[in-house]
Amino acid sequence: LTELPPEVLRGGKLLPSKSLLEGNPGRLDGVSYHFYGDRSQRCGG
């Protein structure tokens, strides 16, 4: 779900995980992520 509408982002922005990891490489004990296949109609899927 990489294309989020402005109303979901609430005027903010996406900070790519690539950039967050690239800024501090080799500092974690494990890589974690979250996953949802879609947004429910509560969020205007």
ModelCIF file with pLDDT and N, C-alpha, C, O atoms, coordinates in Angstrom:
data_MODEL
#
_entry.id   MODEL 
#
_entity.id                         1 
_entity.type                       polymer 
_entity.pdbx_number_of_molecules   1 
#
_entity_poly.entity_id                      1 
_entity_poly.type                           'polypeptide(L)' 
_entity_poly.nstd_linkage                   no 
_entity_poly.nstd_monomer                   no 
_entity_poly.pdbx_seq_one_letter_code       LTELPPEVLRGGKLLPSKSLLEGNPGRLDGVSYHFYGDRSQRCGG 
_entity_poly.pdbx_seq_one_letter_code_can   LTELPPEVLRGGKLLPSKSLLEGNPGRLDGVSYHFYGDRSQRCGG 
_entity_poly.pdbx_strand_id                 A 
#
loop_
_entity_poly_seq.entity_id 
_entity_poly_seq.num 
_entity_poly_seq.mon_id 
_entity_poly_seq.hetero 
1 1  LEU n 
1 2  THR n 
1 3  GLU n 
1 4  LEU n 
1 5  PRO n 
1 6  PRO n 
1 7  GLU n 
1 8  VAL n 
1 9  LEU n 
1 10 ARG n 
1 11 GLY n 
1 12 GLY n 
1 13 LYS n 
1 14 LEU n 
1 15 LEU n 
1 16 PRO n 
1 17 SER n 
1 18 LYS n 
1 19 SER n 
1 20 LEU n 
1 21 LEU n 
1 22 GLU n 
1 23 GLY n 
1 24 ASN n 
1 25 PRO n 
1 26 GLY n 
1 27 ARG n 
1 28 LEU n 
1 29 ASP n 
1 30 GLY n 
1 31 VAL n 
1 32 SER n 
1 33 TYR n 
1 34 HIS n 
1 35 PHE n 
1 36 TYR n 
1 37 GLY n 
1 38 ASP n 
1 39 ARG n 
1 40 SER n 
1 41 GLN n 
1 42 ARG n 
1 43 CYS n 
1 44 GLY n 
1 45 GLY n 
#
_struct_asym.id          A 
_struct_asym.entity_id   1 
#
loop_
_ma_qa_metric.id 
_ma_qa_metric.mode 
_ma_qa_metric.name 
_ma_qa_metric.software_group_id 
_ma_qa_metric.type 
1 global pLDDT . pLDDT 
2 local  pLDDT . pLDDT 
#
_ma_qa_metric_global.metric_id      1 
_ma_qa_metric_global.metric_value   80.40 
_ma_qa_metric_global.model_id       1 
_ma_qa_metric_global.ordinal_id     1 
#
loop_
_ma_qa_metric_local.label_asym_id 
_ma_qa_metric_local.label_comp_id 
_ma_qa_metric_local.label_seq_id 
_ma_qa_metric_local.metric_id 
_ma_qa_metric_local.metric_value 
_ma_qa_metric_local.model_id 
_ma_qa_metric_local.ordinal_id 
A LEU 1  2 59.00 1 1  
A THR 2  2 49.00 1 2  
A GLU 3  2 53.00 1 3  
A LEU 4  2 55.00 1 4  
A PRO 5  2 51.00 1 5  
A PRO 6  2 47.00 1 6  
A GLU 7  2 47.00 1 7  
A VAL 8  2 49.00 1 8  
A LEU 9  2 50.00 1 9  
A ARG 10 2 51.00 1 10 
A GLY 11 2 52.00 1 11 
A GLY 12 2 62.00 1 12 
A LYS 13 2 77.00 1 13 
A LEU 14 2 84.00 1 14 
A LEU 15 2 91.00 1 15 
A PRO 16 2 92.00 1 16 
A SER 17 2 95.00 1 17 
A LYS 18 2 96.00 1 18 
A SER 19 2 96.00 1 19 
A LEU 20 2 97.00 1 20 
A LEU 21 2 98.00 1 21 
A GLU 22 2 98.00 1 22 
A GLY 23 2 97.00 1 23 
A ASN 24 2 97.00 1 24 
A PRO 25 2 98.00 1 25 
A GLY 26 2 98.00 1 26 
A ARG 27 2 98.00 1 27 
A LEU 28 2 98.00 1 28 
A ASP 29 2 98.00 1 29 
A GLY 30 2 98.00 1 30 
A VAL 31 2 98.00 1 31 
A SER 32 2 98.00 1 32 
A TYR 33 2 97.00 1 33 
A HIS 34 2 96.00 1 34 
A PHE 35 2 95.00 1 35 
A TYR 36 2 92.00 1 36 
A GLY 37 2 89.00 1 37 
A ASP 38 2 86.00 1 38 
A ARG 39 2 83.00 1 39 
A SER 40 2 86.00 1 40 
A GLN 41 2 81.00 1 41 
A ARG 42 2 80.00 1 42 
A CYS 43 2 78.00 1 43 
A GLY 44 2 69.00 1 44 
A GLY 45 2 59.00 1 45 
#
loop_
_atom_site.group_PDB 
_atom_site.id 
_atom_site.type_symbol 
_atom_site.label_atom_id 
_atom_site.label_alt_id 
_atom_site.label_comp_id 
_atom_site.label_asym_id 
_atom_site.label_entity_id 
_atom_site.label_seq_id 
_atom_site.pdbx_PDB_ins_code 
_atom_site.Cartn_x 
_atom_site.Cartn_y 
_atom_site.Cartn_z 
_atom_site.occupancy 
_atom_site.B_iso_or_equiv 
_atom_site.pdbx_formal_charge 
_atom_site.auth_seq_id 
_atom_site.auth_comp_id 
_atom_site.auth_asym_id 
_atom_site.auth_atom_id 
_atom_site.pdbx_PDB_model_num 
ATOM 1   N N  . LEU A 1 1  ? 0.836   -1.202 0.000  1.00 59.00 ? 1  LEU A N  1 
ATOM 2   C CA . LEU A 1 1  ? 0.000   0.000  0.000  1.00 59.00 ? 1  LEU A CA 1 
ATOM 3   C C  . LEU A 1 1  ? 0.872   1.253  0.000  1.00 59.00 ? 1  LEU A C  1 
ATOM 4   O O  . LEU A 1 1  ? 0.885   2.010  0.971  1.00 59.00 ? 1  LEU A O  1 
ATOM 5   N N  . THR A 1 2  ? 1.588   1.462  -1.080 1.00 49.00 ? 2  THR A N  1 
ATOM 6   C CA . THR A 1 2  ? 2.560   2.557  -1.098 1.00 49.00 ? 2  THR A CA 1 
ATOM 7   C C  . THR A 1 2  ? 1.940   3.888  -1.492 1.00 49.00 ? 2  THR A C  1 
ATOM 8   O O  . THR A 1 2  ? 2.531   4.936  -1.230 1.00 49.00 ? 2  THR A O  1 
ATOM 9   N N  . GLU A 1 3  ? 0.776   3.878  -2.110 1.00 53.00 ? 3  GLU A N  1 
ATOM 10  C CA . GLU A 1 3  ? 0.140   5.129  -2.515 1.00 53.00 ? 3  GLU A CA 1 
ATOM 11  C C  . GLU A 1 3  ? -0.972  5.465  -1.530 1.00 53.00 ? 3  GLU A C  1 
ATOM 12  O O  . GLU A 1 3  ? -2.098  4.981  -1.648 1.00 53.00 ? 3  GLU A O  1 
ATOM 13  N N  . LEU A 1 4  ? -0.634  6.299  -0.561 1.00 55.00 ? 4  LEU A N  1 
ATOM 14  C CA . LEU A 1 4  ? -1.611  6.680  0.454  1.00 55.00 ? 4  LEU A CA 1 
ATOM 15  C C  . LEU A 1 4  ? -2.203  8.052  0.126  1.00 55.00 ? 4  LEU A C  1 
ATOM 16  O O  . LEU A 1 4  ? -1.465  8.976  -0.215 1.00 55.00 ? 4  LEU A O  1 
ATOM 17  N N  . PRO A 1 5  ? -3.525  8.192  0.226  1.00 51.00 ? 5  PRO A N  1 
ATOM 18  C CA . PRO A 1 5  ? -4.147  9.482  -0.095 1.00 51.00 ? 5  PRO A CA 1 
ATOM 19  C C  . PRO A 1 5  ? -3.829  10.527 0.964  1.00 51.00 ? 5  PRO A C  1 
ATOM 20  O O  . PRO A 1 5  ? -3.512  10.173 2.099  1.00 51.00 ? 5  PRO A O  1 
ATOM 21  N N  . PRO A 1 6  ? -3.908  11.807 0.615  1.00 47.00 ? 6  PRO A N  1 
ATOM 22  C CA . PRO A 1 6  ? -3.572  12.881 1.559  1.00 47.00 ? 6  PRO A CA 1 
ATOM 23  C C  . PRO A 1 6  ? -4.362  12.818 2.857  1.00 47.00 ? 6  PRO A C  1 
ATOM 24  O O  . PRO A 1 6  ? -3.838  13.155 3.919  1.00 47.00 ? 6  PRO A O  1 
ATOM 25  N N  . GLU A 1 7  ? -5.643  12.381 2.780  1.00 47.00 ? 7  GLU A N  1 
ATOM 26  C CA . GLU A 1 7  ? -6.435  12.354 4.006  1.00 47.00 ? 7  GLU A CA 1 
ATOM 27  C C  . GLU A 1 7  ? -5.924  11.307 4.994  1.00 47.00 ? 7  GLU A C  1 
ATOM 28  O O  . GLU A 1 7  ? -6.129  11.448 6.199  1.00 47.00 ? 7  GLU A O  1 
ATOM 29  N N  . VAL A 1 8  ? -5.263  10.264 4.502  1.00 49.00 ? 8  VAL A N  1 
ATOM 30  C CA . VAL A 1 8  ? -4.680  9.264  5.388  1.00 49.00 ? 8  VAL A CA 1 
ATOM 31  C C  . VAL A 1 8  ? -3.371  9.770  5.976  1.00 49.00 ? 8  VAL A C  1 
ATOM 32  O O  . VAL A 1 8  ? -3.102  9.575  7.162  1.00 49.00 ? 8  VAL A O  1 
ATOM 33  N N  . LEU A 1 9  ? -2.563  10.416 5.155  1.00 50.00 ? 9  LEU A N  1 
ATOM 34  C CA . LEU A 1 9  ? -1.294  10.953 5.638  1.00 50.00 ? 9  LEU A CA 1 
ATOM 35  C C  . LEU A 1 9  ? -1.475  12.168 6.539  1.00 50.00 ? 9  LEU A C  1 
ATOM 36  O O  . LEU A 1 9  ? -0.540  12.573 7.229  1.00 50.00 ? 9  LEU A O  1 
ATOM 37  N N  . ARG A 1 10 ? -2.669  12.750 6.538  1.00 51.00 ? 10 ARG A N  1 
ATOM 38  C CA . ARG A 1 10 ? -2.972  13.901 7.391  1.00 51.00 ? 10 ARG A CA 1 
ATOM 39  C C  . ARG A 1 10 ? -1.957  15.026 7.188  1.00 51.00 ? 10 ARG A C  1 
ATOM 40  O O  . ARG A 1 10 ? -1.503  15.658 8.141  1.00 51.00 ? 10 ARG A O  1 
ATOM 41  N N  . GLY A 1 11 ? -1.625  15.250 5.955  1.00 52.00 ? 11 GLY A N  1 
ATOM 42  C CA . GLY A 1 11 ? -0.722  16.344 5.653  1.00 52.00 ? 11 GLY A CA 1 
ATOM 43  C C  . GLY A 1 11 ? 0.739   16.022 5.867  1.00 52.00 ? 11 GLY A C  1 
ATOM 44  O O  . GLY A 1 11 ? 1.594   16.876 5.633  1.00 52.00 ? 11 GLY A O  1 
ATOM 45  N N  . GLY A 1 12 ? 1.055   14.807 6.306  1.00 62.00 ? 12 GLY A N  1 
ATOM 46  C CA . GLY A 1 12 ? 2.437   14.435 6.562  1.00 62.00 ? 12 GLY A CA 1 
ATOM 47  C C  . GLY A 1 12 ? 3.089   13.821 5.338  1.00 62.00 ? 12 GLY A C  1 
ATOM 48  O O  . GLY A 1 12 ? 2.671   14.073 4.208  1.00 62.00 ? 12 GLY A O  1 
ATOM 49  N N  . LYS A 1 13 ? 4.122   13.007 5.570  1.00 77.00 ? 13 LYS A N  1 
ATOM 50  C CA . LYS A 1 13 ? 4.860   12.419 4.463  1.00 77.00 ? 13 LYS A CA 1 
ATOM 51  C C  . LYS A 1 13 ? 5.363   11.040 4.864  1.00 77.00 ? 13 LYS A C  1 
ATOM 52  O O  . LYS A 1 13 ? 5.446   10.698 6.043  1.00 77.00 ? 13 LYS A O  1 
ATOM 53  N N  . LEU A 1 14 ? 5.693   10.269 3.848  1.00 84.00 ? 14 LEU A N  1 
ATOM 54  C CA . LEU A 1 14 ? 6.285   8.955  4.061  1.00 84.00 ? 14 LEU A CA 1 
ATOM 55  C C  . LEU A 1 14 ? 7.792   9.108  4.210  1.00 84.00 ? 14 LEU A C  1 
ATOM 56  O O  . LEU A 1 14 ? 8.448   9.726  3.371  1.00 84.00 ? 14 LEU A O  1 
ATOM 57  N N  . LEU A 1 15 ? 8.339   8.538  5.288  1.00 91.00 ? 15 LEU A N  1 
ATOM 58  C CA . LEU A 1 15 ? 9.791   8.477  5.461  1.00 91.00 ? 15 LEU A CA 1 
ATOM 59  C C  . LEU A 1 15 ? 10.202  7.054  5.085  1.00 91.00 ? 15 LEU A C  1 
ATOM 60  O O  . LEU A 1 15 ? 10.001  6.138  5.883  1.00 91.00 ? 15 LEU A O  1 
ATOM 61  N N  . PRO A 1 16 ? 10.765  6.842  3.911  1.00 92.00 ? 16 PRO A N  1 
ATOM 62  C CA . PRO A 1 16 ? 11.024  5.465  3.448  1.00 92.00 ? 16 PRO A CA 1 
ATOM 63  C C  . PRO A 1 16 ? 11.864  4.678  4.447  1.00 92.00 ? 16 PRO A C  1 
ATOM 64  O O  . PRO A 1 16 ? 12.857  5.180  4.973  1.00 92.00 ? 16 PRO A O  1 
ATOM 65  N N  . SER A 1 17 ? 11.455  3.447  4.701  1.00 95.00 ? 17 SER A N  1 
ATOM 66  C CA . SER A 1 17 ? 12.238  2.591  5.598  1.00 95.00 ? 17 SER A CA 1 
ATOM 67  C C  . SER A 1 17 ? 13.659  2.433  5.102  1.00 95.00 ? 17 SER A C  1 
ATOM 68  O O  . SER A 1 17 ? 14.583  2.289  5.902  1.00 95.00 ? 17 SER A O  1 
ATOM 69  N N  . LYS A 1 18 ? 13.845  2.458  3.792  1.00 96.00 ? 18 LYS A N  1 
ATOM 70  C CA . LYS A 1 18 ? 15.203  2.394  3.230  1.00 96.00 ? 18 LYS A CA 1 
ATOM 71  C C  . LYS A 1 18 ? 16.072  3.506  3.812  1.00 96.00 ? 18 LYS A C  1 
ATOM 72  O O  . LYS A 1 18 ? 17.207  3.261  4.219  1.00 96.00 ? 18 LYS A O  1 
ATOM 73  N N  . SER A 1 19 ? 15.549  4.705  3.851  1.00 96.00 ? 19 SER A N  1 
ATOM 74  C CA . SER A 1 19 ? 16.330  5.833  4.356  1.00 96.00 ? 19 SER A CA 1 
ATOM 75  C C  . SER A 1 19 ? 16.560  5.730  5.851  1.00 96.00 ? 19 SER A C  1 
ATOM 76  O O  . SER A 1 19 ? 17.632  6.089  6.339  1.00 96.00 ? 19 SER A O  1 
ATOM 77  N N  . LEU A 1 20 ? 15.558  5.239  6.592  1.00 97.00 ? 20 LEU A N  1 
ATOM 78  C CA . LEU A 1 20 ? 15.706  5.110  8.042  1.00 97.00 ? 20 LEU A CA 1 
ATOM 79  C C  . LEU A 1 20 ? 16.769  4.069  8.389  1.00 97.00 ? 20 LEU A C  1 
ATOM 80  O O  . LEU A 1 20 ? 17.557  4.270  9.313  1.00 97.00 ? 20 LEU A O  1 
ATOM 81  N N  . LEU A 1 21 ? 16.792  2.960  7.656  1.00 98.00 ? 21 LEU A N  1 
ATOM 82  C CA . LEU A 1 21 ? 17.795  1.927  7.897  1.00 98.00 ? 21 LEU A CA 1 
ATOM 83  C C  . LEU A 1 21 ? 19.166  2.344  7.390  1.00 98.00 ? 21 LEU A C  1 
ATOM 84  O O  . LEU A 1 21 ? 20.184  2.040  8.013  1.00 98.00 ? 21 LEU A O  1 
ATOM 85  N N  . GLU A 1 22 ? 19.190  3.026  6.281  1.00 98.00 ? 22 GLU A N  1 
ATOM 86  C CA . GLU A 1 22 ? 20.450  3.463  5.693  1.00 98.00 ? 22 GLU A CA 1 
ATOM 87  C C  . GLU A 1 22 ? 21.186  4.436  6.613  1.00 98.00 ? 22 GLU A C  1 
ATOM 88  O O  . GLU A 1 22 ? 22.416  4.485  6.620  1.00 98.00 ? 22 GLU A O  1 
ATOM 89  N N  . GLY A 1 23 ? 20.422  5.211  7.391  1.00 97.00 ? 23 GLY A N  1 
ATOM 90  C CA . GLY A 1 23 ? 21.046  6.184  8.279  1.00 97.00 ? 23 GLY A CA 1 
ATOM 91  C C  . GLY A 1 23 ? 21.716  5.580  9.491  1.00 97.00 ? 23 GLY A C  1 
ATOM 92  O O  . GLY A 1 23 ? 22.582  6.209  10.100 1.00 97.00 ? 23 GLY A O  1 
ATOM 93  N N  . ASN A 1 24 ? 21.326  4.359  9.854  1.00 97.00 ? 24 ASN A N  1 
ATOM 94  C CA . ASN A 1 24 ? 21.908  3.683  11.022 1.00 97.00 ? 24 ASN A CA 1 
ATOM 95  C C  . ASN A 1 24 ? 22.145  2.208  10.718 1.00 97.00 ? 24 ASN A C  1 
ATOM 96  O O  . ASN A 1 24 ? 21.560  1.353  11.383 1.00 97.00 ? 24 ASN A O  1 
ATOM 97  N N  . PRO A 1 25 ? 22.967  1.885  9.753  1.00 98.00 ? 25 PRO A N  1 
ATOM 98  C CA . PRO A 1 25 ? 23.128  0.472  9.373  1.00 98.00 ? 25 PRO A CA 1 
ATOM 99  C C  . PRO A 1 25 ? 23.835  -0.335 10.456 1.00 98.00 ? 25 PRO A C  1 
ATOM 100 O O  . PRO A 1 25 ? 24.697  0.174  11.173 1.00 98.00 ? 25 PRO A O  1 
ATOM 101 N N  . GLY A 1 26 ? 23.449  -1.609 10.558 1.00 98.00 ? 26 GLY A N  1 
ATOM 102 C CA . GLY A 1 26 ? 24.142  -2.527 11.451 1.00 98.00 ? 26 GLY A CA 1 
ATOM 103 C C  . GLY A 1 26 ? 23.893  -2.314 12.928 1.00 98.00 ? 26 GLY A C  1 
ATOM 104 O O  . GLY A 1 26 ? 24.660  -2.810 13.752 1.00 98.00 ? 26 GLY A O  1 
ATOM 105 N N  . ARG A 1 27 ? 22.844  -1.591 13.291 1.00 98.00 ? 27 ARG A N  1 
ATOM 106 C CA . ARG A 1 27 ? 22.606  -1.271 14.700 1.00 98.00 ? 27 ARG A CA 1 
ATOM 107 C C  . ARG A 1 27 ? 21.463  -2.071 15.333 1.00 98.00 ? 27 ARG A C  1 
ATOM 108 O O  . ARG A 1 27 ? 21.202  -1.929 16.528 1.00 98.00 ? 27 ARG A O  1 
ATOM 109 N N  . LEU A 1 28 ? 20.786  -2.900 14.553 1.00 98.00 ? 28 LEU A N  1 
ATOM 110 C CA . LEU A 1 28 ? 19.618  -3.631 15.048 1.00 98.00 ? 28 LEU A CA 1 
ATOM 111 C C  . LEU A 1 28 ? 19.945  -5.095 15.322 1.00 98.00 ? 28 LEU A C  1 
ATOM 112 O O  . LEU A 1 28 ? 20.914  -5.640 14.793 1.00 98.00 ? 28 LEU A O  1 
ATOM 113 N N  . ASP A 1 29 ? 19.114  -5.722 16.163 1.00 98.00 ? 29 ASP A N  1 
ATOM 114 C CA . ASP A 1 29 ? 19.200  -7.165 16.393 1.00 98.00 ? 29 ASP A CA 1 
ATOM 115 C C  . ASP A 1 29 ? 18.274  -7.923 15.456 1.00 98.00 ? 29 ASP A C  1 
ATOM 116 O O  . ASP A 1 29 ? 18.402  -9.137 15.301 1.00 98.00 ? 29 ASP A O  1 
ATOM 117 N N  . GLY A 1 30 ? 17.351  -7.219 14.837 1.00 98.00 ? 30 GLY A N  1 
ATOM 118 C CA . GLY A 1 30 ? 16.430  -7.826 13.901 1.00 98.00 ? 30 GLY A CA 1 
ATOM 119 C C  . GLY A 1 30 ? 15.660  -6.747 13.168 1.00 98.00 ? 30 GLY A C  1 
ATOM 120 O O  . GLY A 1 30 ? 15.466  -5.651 13.695 1.00 98.00 ? 30 GLY A O  1 
ATOM 121 N N  . VAL A 1 31 ? 15.219  -7.049 11.952 1.00 98.00 ? 31 VAL A N  1 
ATOM 122 C CA . VAL A 1 31 ? 14.443  -6.106 11.153 1.00 98.00 ? 31 VAL A CA 1 
ATOM 123 C C  . VAL A 1 31 ? 12.966  -6.451 11.297 1.00 98.00 ? 31 VAL A C  1 
ATOM 124 O O  . VAL A 1 31 ? 12.568  -7.603 11.129 1.00 98.00 ? 31 VAL A O  1 
ATOM 125 N N  . SER A 1 32 ? 12.163  -5.446 11.608 1.00 98.00 ? 32 SER A N  1 
ATOM 126 C CA . SER A 1 32 ? 10.731  -5.660 11.795 1.00 98.00 ? 32 SER A CA 1 
ATOM 127 C C  . SER A 1 32 ? 9.939   -4.820 10.798 1.00 98.00 ? 32 SER A C  1 
ATOM 128 O O  . SER A 1 32 ? 10.387  -3.767 10.344 1.00 98.00 ? 32 SER A O  1 
ATOM 129 N N  . TYR A 1 33 ? 8.754   -5.317 10.473 1.00 97.00 ? 33 TYR A N  1 
ATOM 130 C CA . TYR A 1 33 ? 7.856   -4.573 9.590  1.00 97.00 ? 33 TYR A CA 1 
ATOM 131 C C  . TYR A 1 33 ? 6.422   -4.925 9.938  1.00 97.00 ? 33 TYR A C  1 
ATOM 132 O O  . TYR A 1 33 ? 6.150   -5.929 10.596 1.00 97.00 ? 33 TYR A O  1 
ATOM 133 N N  . HIS A 1 34 ? 5.508   -4.074 9.479  1.00 96.00 ? 34 HIS A N  1 
ATOM 134 C CA . HIS A 1 34 ? 4.079   -4.300 9.662  1.00 96.00 ? 34 HIS A CA 1 
ATOM 135 C C  . HIS A 1 34 ? 3.455   -4.542 8.292  1.00 96.00 ? 34 HIS A C  1 
ATOM 136 O O  . HIS A 1 34 ? 3.954   -4.053 7.278  1.00 96.00 ? 34 HIS A O  1 
ATOM 137 N N  . PHE A 1 35 ? 2.363   -5.300 8.271  1.00 95.00 ? 35 PHE A N  1 
ATOM 138 C CA . PHE A 1 35 ? 1.732   -5.589 6.985  1.00 95.00 ? 35 PHE A CA 1 
ATOM 139 C C  . PHE A 1 35 ? 0.216   -5.670 7.114  1.00 95.00 ? 35 PHE A C  1 
ATOM 140 O O  . PHE A 1 35 ? -0.318  -6.371 7.974  1.00 95.00 ? 35 PHE A O  1 
ATOM 141 N N  . TYR A 1 36 ? -0.458  -4.937 6.241  1.00 92.00 ? 36 TYR A N  1 
ATOM 142 C CA . TYR A 1 36 ? -1.897  -5.067 6.034  1.00 92.00 ? 36 TYR A CA 1 
ATOM 143 C C  . TYR A 1 36 ? -2.125  -5.140 4.525  1.00 92.00 ? 36 TYR A C  1 
ATOM 144 O O  . TYR A 1 36 ? -1.566  -4.349 3.765  1.00 92.00 ? 36 TYR A O  1 
ATOM 145 N N  . GLY A 1 37 ? -2.950  -6.092 4.101  1.00 89.00 ? 37 GLY A N  1 
ATOM 146 C CA . GLY A 1 37 ? -3.181  -6.259 2.673  1.00 89.00 ? 37 GLY A CA 1 
ATOM 147 C C  . GLY A 1 37 ? -4.004  -5.160 2.053  1.00 89.00 ? 37 GLY A C  1 
ATOM 148 O O  . GLY A 1 37 ? -3.998  -4.991 0.834  1.00 89.00 ? 37 GLY A O  1 
ATOM 149 N N  . ASP A 1 38 ? -4.723  -4.395 2.887  1.00 86.00 ? 38 ASP A N  1 
ATOM 150 C CA . ASP A 1 38 ? -5.583  -3.333 2.386  1.00 86.00 ? 38 ASP A CA 1 
ATOM 151 C C  . ASP A 1 38 ? -5.943  -2.433 3.553  1.00 86.00 ? 38 ASP A C  1 
ATOM 152 O O  . ASP A 1 38 ? -5.599  -2.722 4.699  1.00 86.00 ? 38 ASP A O  1 
ATOM 153 N N  . ARG A 1 39 ? -6.634  -1.346 3.261  1.00 83.00 ? 39 ARG A N  1 
ATOM 154 C CA . ARG A 1 39 ? -7.225  -0.513 4.298  1.00 83.00 ? 39 ARG A CA 1 
ATOM 155 C C  . ARG A 1 39 ? -8.715  -0.801 4.334  1.00 83.00 ? 39 ARG A C  1 
ATOM 156 O O  . ARG A 1 39 ? -9.353  -0.905 3.285  1.00 83.00 ? 39 ARG A O  1 
ATOM 157 N N  . SER A 1 40 ? -9.273  -0.931 5.519  1.00 86.00 ? 40 SER A N  1 
ATOM 158 C CA . SER A 1 40 ? -10.710 -1.157 5.620  1.00 86.00 ? 40 SER A CA 1 
ATOM 159 C C  . SER A 1 40 ? -11.458 0.126  5.266  1.00 86.00 ? 40 SER A C  1 
ATOM 160 O O  . SER A 1 40 ? -10.858 1.193  5.136  1.00 86.00 ? 40 SER A O  1 
ATOM 161 N N  . GLN A 1 41 ? -12.780 0.006  5.112  1.00 81.00 ? 41 GLN A N  1 
ATOM 162 C CA . GLN A 1 41 ? -13.548 1.180  4.710  1.00 81.00 ? 41 GLN A CA 1 
ATOM 163 C C  . GLN A 1 41 ? -13.537 2.275  5.756  1.00 81.00 ? 41 GLN A C  1 
ATOM 164 O O  . GLN A 1 41 ? -13.885 3.416  5.451  1.00 81.00 ? 41 GLN A O  1 
ATOM 165 N N  . ARG A 1 42 ? -13.145 1.959  6.993  1.00 80.00 ? 42 ARG A N  1 
ATOM 166 C CA . ARG A 1 42 ? -13.008 3.027  7.984  1.00 80.00 ? 42 ARG A CA 1 
ATOM 167 C C  . ARG A 1 42 ? -11.993 4.069  7.517  1.00 80.00 ? 42 ARG A C  1 
ATOM 168 O O  . ARG A 1 42 ? -12.148 5.261  7.779  1.00 80.00 ? 42 ARG A O  1 
ATOM 169 N N  . CYS A 1 43 ? -10.959 3.608  6.827  1.00 78.00 ? 43 CYS A N  1 
ATOM 170 C CA . CYS A 1 43 ? -9.916  4.513  6.335  1.00 78.00 ? 43 CYS A CA 1 
ATOM 171 C C  . CYS A 1 43 ? -10.071 4.800  4.852  1.00 78.00 ? 43 CYS A C  1 
ATOM 172 O O  . CYS A 1 43 ? -9.155  5.341  4.232  1.00 78.00 ? 43 CYS A O  1 
ATOM 173 N N  . GLY A 1 44 ? -11.200 4.454  4.277  1.00 69.00 ? 44 GLY A N  1 
ATOM 174 C CA . GLY A 1 44 ? -11.384 4.727  2.861  1.00 69.00 ? 44 GLY A CA 1 
ATOM 175 C C  . GLY A 1 44 ? -10.553 3.838  1.986  1.00 69.00 ? 44 GLY A C  1 
ATOM 176 O O  . GLY A 1 44 ? -9.858  4.326  1.095  1.00 69.00 ? 44 GLY A O  1 
ATOM 177 N N  . GLY A 1 45 ? -10.604 2.528  2.215  1.00 59.00 ? 45 GLY A N  1 
ATOM 178 C CA . GLY A 1 45 ? -9.809  1.587  1.438  1.00 59.00 ? 45 GLY A CA 1 
ATOM 179 C C  . GLY A 1 45 ? -10.119 1.677  -0.052 1.00 59.00 ? 45 GLY A C  1 
ATOM 180 O O  . GLY A 1 45 ? -9.532  0.947  -0.850 1.00 59.00 ? 45 GLY A O  1 
#
